[in-house]
Each structure stands twice: as structure tokens, then as C-alpha cells.
PDB file of N, CA and C in Angstrom:
ATOM      1  N   MET A   1     127.576 136.792  65.895  1.00  0.00           N
ATOM      2  CA  MET A   1     127.201 135.708  64.999  1.00  0.00           C
ATOM      3  C   MET A   1     128.142 135.732  63.799  1.00  0.00           C
ATOM      4  N   ARG A   2     128.833 134.665  63.611  1.00  0.00           N
ATOM      5  CA  ARG A   2     129.849 134.574  62.574  1.00  0.00           C
ATOM      6  C   ARG A   2     129.240 134.595  61.166  1.00  0.00           C
ATOM      7  N   TYR A   3     128.097 133.984  60.994  1.00  0.00           N
ATOM      8  CA  TYR A   3     127.495 133.857  59.667  1.00  0.00           C
ATOM      9  C   TYR A   3     126.292 134.791  59.494  1.00  0.00           C
ATOM     10  N   ARG A   4     126.312 135.911  60.191  1.00  0.00           N
ATOM     11  CA  ARG A   4     125.177 136.845  60.189  1.00  0.00           C
ATOM     12  C   ARG A   4     124.781 137.254  58.762  1.00  0.00           C
ATOM     13  N   ASP A   5     125.750 137.662  57.946  1.00  0.00           N
ATOM     14  CA  ASP A   5     125.437 138.120  56.593  1.00  0.00           C
ATOM     15  C   ASP A   5     124.794 137.014  55.757  1.00  0.00           C
ATOM     16  N   GLN A   6     125.333 135.799  55.881  1.00  0.00           N
ATOM     17  CA  GLN A   6     124.773 134.687  55.113  1.00  0.00           C
ATOM     18  C   GLN A   6     123.348 134.368  55.576  1.00  0.00           C
ATOM     19  N   VAL A   7     123.124 134.399  56.880  1.00  0.00           N
ATOM     20  CA  VAL A   7     121.794 134.104  57.415  1.00  0.00           C
ATOM     21  C   VAL A   7     120.805 135.172  56.960  1.00  0.00           C
ATOM     22  N   ILE A   8     121.203 136.431  57.053  1.00  0.00           N
ATOM     23  CA  ILE A   8     120.318 137.513  56.615  1.00  0.00           C
ATOM     24  C   ILE A   8     119.997 137.364  55.134  1.00  0.00           C
ATOM     25  N   ASN A   9     121.007 137.049  54.332  1.00  0.00           N
ATOM     26  CA  ASN A   9     120.793 136.849  52.902  1.00  0.00           C
ATOM     27  C   ASN A   9     119.809 135.714  52.658  1.00  0.00           C
ATOM     28  N   LYS A  10     119.989 134.594  53.336  1.00  0.00           N
ATOM     29  CA  LYS A  10     119.101 133.440  53.148  1.00  0.00           C
ATOM     30  C   LYS A  10     117.678 133.756  53.608  1.00  0.00           C
ATOM     31  N   VAL A  11     117.540 134.522  54.679  1.00  0.00           N
ATOM     32  CA  VAL A  11     116.199 134.899  55.152  1.00  0.00           C
ATOM     33  C   VAL A  11     115.526 135.792  54.109  1.00  0.00           C
ATOM     34  N   GLU A  12     116.276 136.696  53.507  1.00  0.00           N
ATOM     35  CA  GLU A  12     115.713 137.556  52.463  1.00  0.00           C
ATOM     36  C   GLU A  12     115.282 136.737  51.250  1.00  0.00           C
ATOM     37  N   VAL A  13     116.089 135.742  50.885  1.00  0.00           N
ATOM     38  CA  VAL A  13     115.730 134.857  49.768  1.00  0.00           C
ATOM     39  C   VAL A  13     114.466 134.075  50.114  1.00  0.00           C
ATOM     40  N   LEU A  14     114.366 133.611  51.356  1.00  0.00           N
ATOM     41  CA  LEU A  14     113.178 132.881  51.791  1.00  0.00           C
ATOM     42  C   LEU A  14     111.942 133.788  51.749  1.00  0.00           C
ATOM     43  N   GLU A  15     112.088 135.023  52.187  1.00  0.00           N
ATOM     44  CA  GLU A  15     110.977 135.983  52.115  1.00  0.00           C
ATOM     45  C   GLU A  15     110.525 136.174  50.676  1.00  0.00           C
ATOM     46  N   SER A  16     111.480 136.285  49.775  1.00  0.00           N
ATOM     47  CA  SER A  16     111.157 136.440  48.356  1.00  0.00           C
ATOM     48  C   SER A  16     110.408 135.216  47.828  1.00  0.00           C
ATOM     49  N   THR A  17     110.858 134.042  48.228  1.00  0.00           N
ATOM     50  CA  THR A  17     110.193 132.808  47.799  1.00  0.00           C
ATOM     51  C   THR A  17     108.755 132.756  48.310  1.00  0.00           C
ATOM     52  N   LEU A  18     108.535 133.217  49.531  1.00  0.00           N
ATOM     53  CA  LEU A  18     107.175 133.226  50.072  1.00  0.00           C
ATOM     54  C   LEU A  18     106.287 134.208  49.312  1.00  0.00           C
ATOM     55  N   LYS A  19     106.860 135.327  48.857  1.00  0.00           N
ATOM     56  CA  LYS A  19     106.092 136.274  48.037  1.00  0.00           C
ATOM     57  C   LYS A  19     105.700 135.636  46.709  1.00  0.00           C
ATOM     58  N   VAL A  20     106.655 134.890  46.130  1.00  0.00           N
ATOM     59  CA  VAL A  20     106.364 134.170  44.882  1.00  0.00           C
ATOM     60  C   VAL A  20     105.243 133.167  45.126  1.00  0.00           C
ATOM     61  N   LEU A  21     105.286 132.492  46.252  1.00  0.00           N
ATOM     62  CA  LEU A  21     104.258 131.508  46.589  1.00  0.00           C
ATOM     63  C   LEU A  21     102.881 132.170  46.666  1.00  0.00           C
ATOM     64  N   ARG A  22     102.830 133.350  47.282  1.00  0.00           N
ATOM     65  CA  ARG A  22     101.567 134.083  47.357  1.00  0.00           C
ATOM     66  C   ARG A  22     101.055 134.425  45.951  1.00  0.00           C
ATOM     67  N   GLN A  23     101.966 134.833  45.057  1.00  0.00           N
ATOM     68  CA  GLN A  23     101.572 135.151  43.682  1.00  0.00           C
ATOM     69  C   GLN A  23     101.070 133.914  42.953  1.00  0.00           C
ATOM     70  N   VAL A  24     101.721 132.785  43.184  1.00  0.00           N
ATOM     71  CA  VAL A  24     101.291 131.532  42.558  1.00  0.00           C
ATOM     72  C   VAL A  24      99.853 131.222  42.961  1.00  0.00           C
ATOM     73  N   VAL A  25      99.548 131.404  44.230  1.00  0.00           N
ATOM     74  CA  VAL A  25      98.192 131.132  44.729  1.00  0.00           C
ATOM     75  C   VAL A  25      97.204 132.136  44.143  1.00  0.00           C
ATOM     76  N   GLN A  26      97.572 133.421  44.139  1.00  0.00           N
ATOM     77  CA  GLN A  26      96.657 134.449  43.648  1.00  0.00           C
ATOM     78  C   GLN A  26      96.342 134.269  42.167  1.00  0.00           C
ATOM     79  N   ARG A  27      97.306 133.797  41.396  1.00  0.00           N
ATOM     80  CA  ARG A  27      97.092 133.574  39.960  1.00  0.00           C
ATOM     81  C   ARG A  27      96.484 132.212  39.659  1.00  0.00           C
ATOM     82  N   GLN A  28      96.326 131.428  40.694  1.00  0.00           N
ATOM     83  CA  GLN A  28      95.785 130.073  40.555  1.00  0.00           C
ATOM     84  C   GLN A  28      96.583 129.269  39.526  1.00  0.00           C
ATOM     85  N   GLU A  29      97.896 129.326  39.687  1.00  0.00           N
ATOM     86  CA  GLU A  29      98.787 128.588  38.793  1.00  0.00           C
ATOM     87  C   GLU A  29      98.675 127.090  39.083  1.00  0.00           C
ATOM     88  N   PRO A  30      99.241 126.272  38.218  1.00  0.00           N
ATOM     89  CA  PRO A  30      99.179 124.817  38.434  1.00  0.00           C
ATOM     90  C   PRO A  30      99.809 124.421  39.767  1.00  0.00           C
ATOM     91  N   ILE A  31      99.323 123.335  40.307  1.00  0.00           N
ATOM     92  CA  ILE A  31      99.810 122.852  41.599  1.00  0.00           C
ATOM     93  C   ILE A  31     101.312 122.575  41.543  1.00  0.00           C
ATOM     94  N   LYS A  32     101.835 122.170  40.401  1.00  0.00           N
ATOM     95  CA  LYS A  32     103.273 121.908  40.279  1.00  0.00           C
ATOM     96  C   LYS A  32     104.075 123.160  40.621  1.00  0.00           C
ATOM     97  N   SER A  33     103.645 124.323  40.164  1.00  0.00           N
ATOM     98  CA  SER A  33     104.342 125.577  40.489  1.00  0.00           C
ATOM     99  C   SER A  33     104.325 125.810  41.993  1.00  0.00           C
ATOM    100  N   TYR A  34     103.194 125.554  42.594  1.00  0.00           N
ATOM    101  CA  TYR A  34     103.028 125.714  44.045  1.00  0.00           C
ATOM    102  C   TYR A  34     103.972 124.779  44.794  1.00  0.00           C
ATOM    103  N   LEU A  35     103.998 123.511  44.400  1.00  0.00           N
ATOM    104  CA  LEU A  35     104.838 122.528  45.074  1.00  0.00           C
ATOM    105  C   LEU A  35     106.323 122.803  44.854  1.00  0.00           C
ATOM    106  N   ASP A  36     106.697 123.231  43.647  1.00  0.00           N
ATOM    107  CA  ASP A  36     108.093 123.568  43.371  1.00  0.00           C
ATOM    108  C   ASP A  36     108.558 124.726  44.263  1.00  0.00           C
ATOM    109  N   THR A  37     107.694 125.722  44.436  1.00  0.00           N
ATOM    110  CA  THR A  37     108.039 126.872  45.266  1.00  0.00           C
ATOM    111  C   THR A  37     108.152 126.466  46.730  1.00  0.00           C
ATOM    112  N   ILE A  38     107.274 125.594  47.188  1.00  0.00           N
ATOM    113  CA  ILE A  38     107.370 125.094  48.565  1.00  0.00           C
ATOM    114  C   ILE A  38     108.676 124.328  48.758  1.00  0.00           C
ATOM    115  N   ASP A  39     109.055 123.522  47.778  1.00  0.00           N
ATOM    116  CA  ASP A  39     110.324 122.779  47.864  1.00  0.00           C
ATOM    117  C   ASP A  39     111.506 123.739  47.992  1.00  0.00           C
ATOM    118  N   ARG A  40     111.502 124.818  47.191  1.00  0.00           N
ATOM    119  CA  ARG A  40     112.581 125.811  47.274  1.00  0.00           C
ATOM    120  C   ARG A  40     112.625 126.452  48.650  1.00  0.00           C
ATOM    121  N   ALA A  41     111.452 126.794  49.182  1.00  0.00           N
ATOM    122  CA  ALA A  41     111.386 127.423  50.506  1.00  0.00           C
ATOM    123  C   ALA A  41     111.926 126.472  51.572  1.00  0.00           C
ATOM    124  N   GLU A  42     111.592 125.196  51.483  1.00  0.00           N
ATOM    125  CA  GLU A  42     112.084 124.223  52.458  1.00  0.00           C
ATOM    126  C   GLU A  42     113.600 124.075  52.369  1.00  0.00           C
ATOM    127  N   GLN A  43     114.155 124.100  51.155  1.00  0.00           N
ATOM    128  CA  GLN A  43     115.603 124.013  50.986  1.00  0.00           C
ATOM    129  C   GLN A  43     116.292 125.233  51.589  1.00  0.00           C
ATOM    130  N   GLN A  44     115.709 126.393  51.366  1.00  0.00           N
ATOM    131  CA  GLN A  44     116.281 127.626  51.915  1.00  0.00           C
ATOM    132  C   GLN A  44     116.229 127.604  53.435  1.00  0.00           C
ATOM    133  N   LEU A  45     115.138 127.126  53.994  1.00  0.00           N
ATOM    134  CA  LEU A  45     115.017 127.027  55.442  1.00  0.00           C
ATOM    135  C   LEU A  45     116.054 126.066  56.011  1.00  0.00           C
ATOM    136  N   GLU A  46     116.294 124.972  55.330  1.00  0.00           N
ATOM    137  CA  GLU A  46     117.303 124.012  55.771  1.00  0.00           C
ATOM    138  C   GLU A  46     118.695 124.643  55.771  1.00  0.00           C
ATOM    139  N   GLN A  47     118.998 125.459  54.756  1.00  0.00           N
ATOM    140  CA  GLN A  47     120.288 126.137  54.713  1.00  0.00           C
ATOM    141  C   GLN A  47     120.439 127.104  55.888  1.00  0.00           C
ATOM    142  N   ILE A  48     119.371 127.805  56.222  1.00  0.00           N
ATOM    143  CA  ILE A  48     119.400 128.729  57.363  1.00  0.00           C
ATOM    144  C   ILE A  48     119.672 127.951  58.643  1.00  0.00           C
ATOM    145  N   LYS A  49     119.007 126.828  58.820  1.00  0.00           N
ATOM    146  CA  LYS A  49     119.227 125.996  60.009  1.00  0.00           C
ATOM    147  C   LYS A  49     120.679 125.543  60.097  1.00  0.00           C
ATOM    148  N   GLN A  50     121.269 125.188  58.954  1.00  0.00           N
ATOM    149  CA  GLN A  50     122.659 124.745  58.951  1.00  0.00           C
ATOM    150  C   GLN A  50     123.593 125.861  59.401  1.00  0.00           C
ATOM    151  N   TYR A  51     123.349 127.078  58.936  1.00  0.00           N
ATOM    152  CA  TYR A  51     124.177 128.207  59.374  1.00  0.00           C
ATOM    153  C   TYR A  51     124.044 128.420  60.880  1.00  0.00           C
ATOM    154  N   VAL A  52     122.833 128.329  61.386  1.00  0.00           N
ATOM    155  CA  VAL A  52     122.623 128.529  62.816  1.00  0.00           C
ATOM    156  C   VAL A  52     123.320 127.435  63.611  1.00  0.00           C
ATOM    157  N   GLU A  53     123.252 126.208  63.141  1.00  0.00           N
ATOM    158  CA  GLU A  53     123.900 125.094  63.841  1.00  0.00           C
ATOM    159  C   GLU A  53     125.419 125.230  63.852  1.00  0.00           C
ATOM    160  N   MET A  54     126.001 125.906  62.860  1.00  0.00           N
ATOM    161  CA  MET A  54     127.450 126.091  62.807  1.00  0.00           C
ATOM    162  C   MET A  54     127.928 127.104  63.850  1.00  0.00           C
ATOM    163  N   GLU A  55     127.019 127.904  64.360  1.00  0.00           N
ATOM    164  CA  GLU A  55     127.388 128.913  65.349  1.00  0.00           C
ATOM    165  C   GLU A  55     127.740 128.239  66.681  1.00  0.00           C
ATOM    166  N   PRO A  56     128.767 128.715  67.342  1.00  0.00           N
ATOM    167  CA  PRO A  56     129.092 128.157  68.648  1.00  0.00           C
ATOM    168  C   PRO A  56     128.007 128.495  69.665  1.00  0.00           C
ATOM    169  N   ARG A  57     127.758 127.572  70.559  1.00  0.00           N
ATOM    170  CA  ARG A  57     126.752 127.800  71.608  1.00  0.00           C
ATOM    171  C   ARG A  57     127.377 128.578  72.755  1.00  0.00           C
ATOM    172  N   THR A  58     126.553 129.412  73.359  1.00  0.00           N
ATOM    173  CA  THR A  58     127.018 130.155  74.527  1.00  0.00           C
ATOM    174  C   THR A  58     126.439 129.517  75.780  1.00  0.00           C
ATOM    175  N   SER A  59     126.992 129.852  76.919  1.00  0.00           N
ATOM    176  CA  SER A  59     126.564 129.228  78.169  1.00  0.00           C
ATOM    177  C   SER A  59     125.155 129.634  78.587  1.00  0.00           C
ATOM    178  N   ASN A  60     124.622 130.732  78.046  1.00  0.00           N
ATOM    179  CA  ASN A  60     123.293 131.172  78.451  1.00  0.00           C
ATOM    180  C   ASN A  60     122.184 130.701  77.506  1.00  0.00           C
ATOM    181  N   GLU A  61     122.507 129.840  76.542  1.00  0.00           N
ATOM    182  CA  GLU A  61     121.482 129.326  75.630  1.00  0.00           C
ATOM    183  C   GLU A  61     120.727 128.175  76.274  1.00  0.00           C
ATOM    184  N   VAL A  62     119.444 128.105  75.945  1.00  0.00           N
ATOM    185  CA  VAL A  62     118.595 127.020  76.424  1.00  0.00           C
ATOM    186  C   VAL A  62     118.045 126.298  75.207  1.00  0.00           C
ATOM    187  N   GLY A  63     118.096 124.970  75.204  1.00  0.00           N
ATOM    188  CA  GLY A  63     117.508 124.189  74.132  1.00  0.00           C
ATOM    189  C   GLY A  63     118.324 124.268  72.856  1.00  0.00           C
ATOM    190  N   GLY A  64     117.620 124.081  71.745  1.00  0.00           N
ATOM    191  CA  GLY A  64     118.259 124.103  70.437  1.00  0.00           C
ATOM    192  C   GLY A  64     117.194 124.123  69.386  1.00  0.00           C
ATOM    193  N   ILE A  65     117.557 123.777  68.179  1.00  0.00           N
ATOM    194  CA  ILE A  65     116.590 123.705  67.087  1.00  0.00           C
ATOM    195  C   ILE A  65     115.657 122.548  67.364  1.00  0.00           C
ATOM    196  N   SER A  66     114.391 122.709  67.038  1.00  0.00           N
ATOM    197  CA  SER A  66     113.367 121.689  67.303  1.00  0.00           C
ATOM    198  C   SER A  66     113.844 120.303  66.909  1.00  0.00           C
ATOM    199  N   GLY A  67     113.592 119.364  67.769  1.00  0.00           N
ATOM    200  CA  GLY A  67     113.929 117.984  67.489  1.00  0.00           C
ATOM    201  C   GLY A  67     115.357 117.626  67.866  1.00  0.00           C
ATOM    202  N   GLN A  68     116.156 118.613  68.307  1.00  0.00           N
ATOM    203  CA  GLN A  68     117.539 118.329  68.653  1.00  0.00           C
ATOM    204  C   GLN A  68     117.832 118.708  70.096  1.00  0.00           C
ATOM    205  N   ARG A  69     116.854 118.624  70.947  1.00  0.00           N
ATOM    206  CA  ARG A  69     117.043 119.003  72.349  1.00  0.00           C
ATOM    207  C   ARG A  69     117.460 117.816  73.170  1.00  0.00           C
TER     208      ARG A  69
END
């Protein structure tokens, strides 16, 4: 995988964002904080998908990312 380091980094950032989201819920922070954190997580997930899509496909792969089959 050509972009392995970048993907791992983005997954770690996404994990961190999900931990923040859990803290937001536990502290019962305003809904805006919750929604802002969800937006960040969605952006990070989109970046991960882009890295995966840049990878060349091999002959033994089946399907693709959801919605692109």
C-alpha cells in the first residue's frame, strides 16, 4: 500500500475524534459541539476513502467502496 502511513495517521486522527465525541456526550455539552465533532469525523473518513481510492487495484480484489460497485 503506497499511502499506508497516511492512512494509518488518518485512522488514528479519526479514533481521536471519536474519543472526543464520547467526551462531548459524557459531559452533555451543547449539541453544536457534538455536530462539529461529527463533521470533523466525516471529513477525516472522506480523506481516508480518498487515499484508499488512489491505491491501484489488484486482480484479486472484489467490489469497491460502497456505492461505487
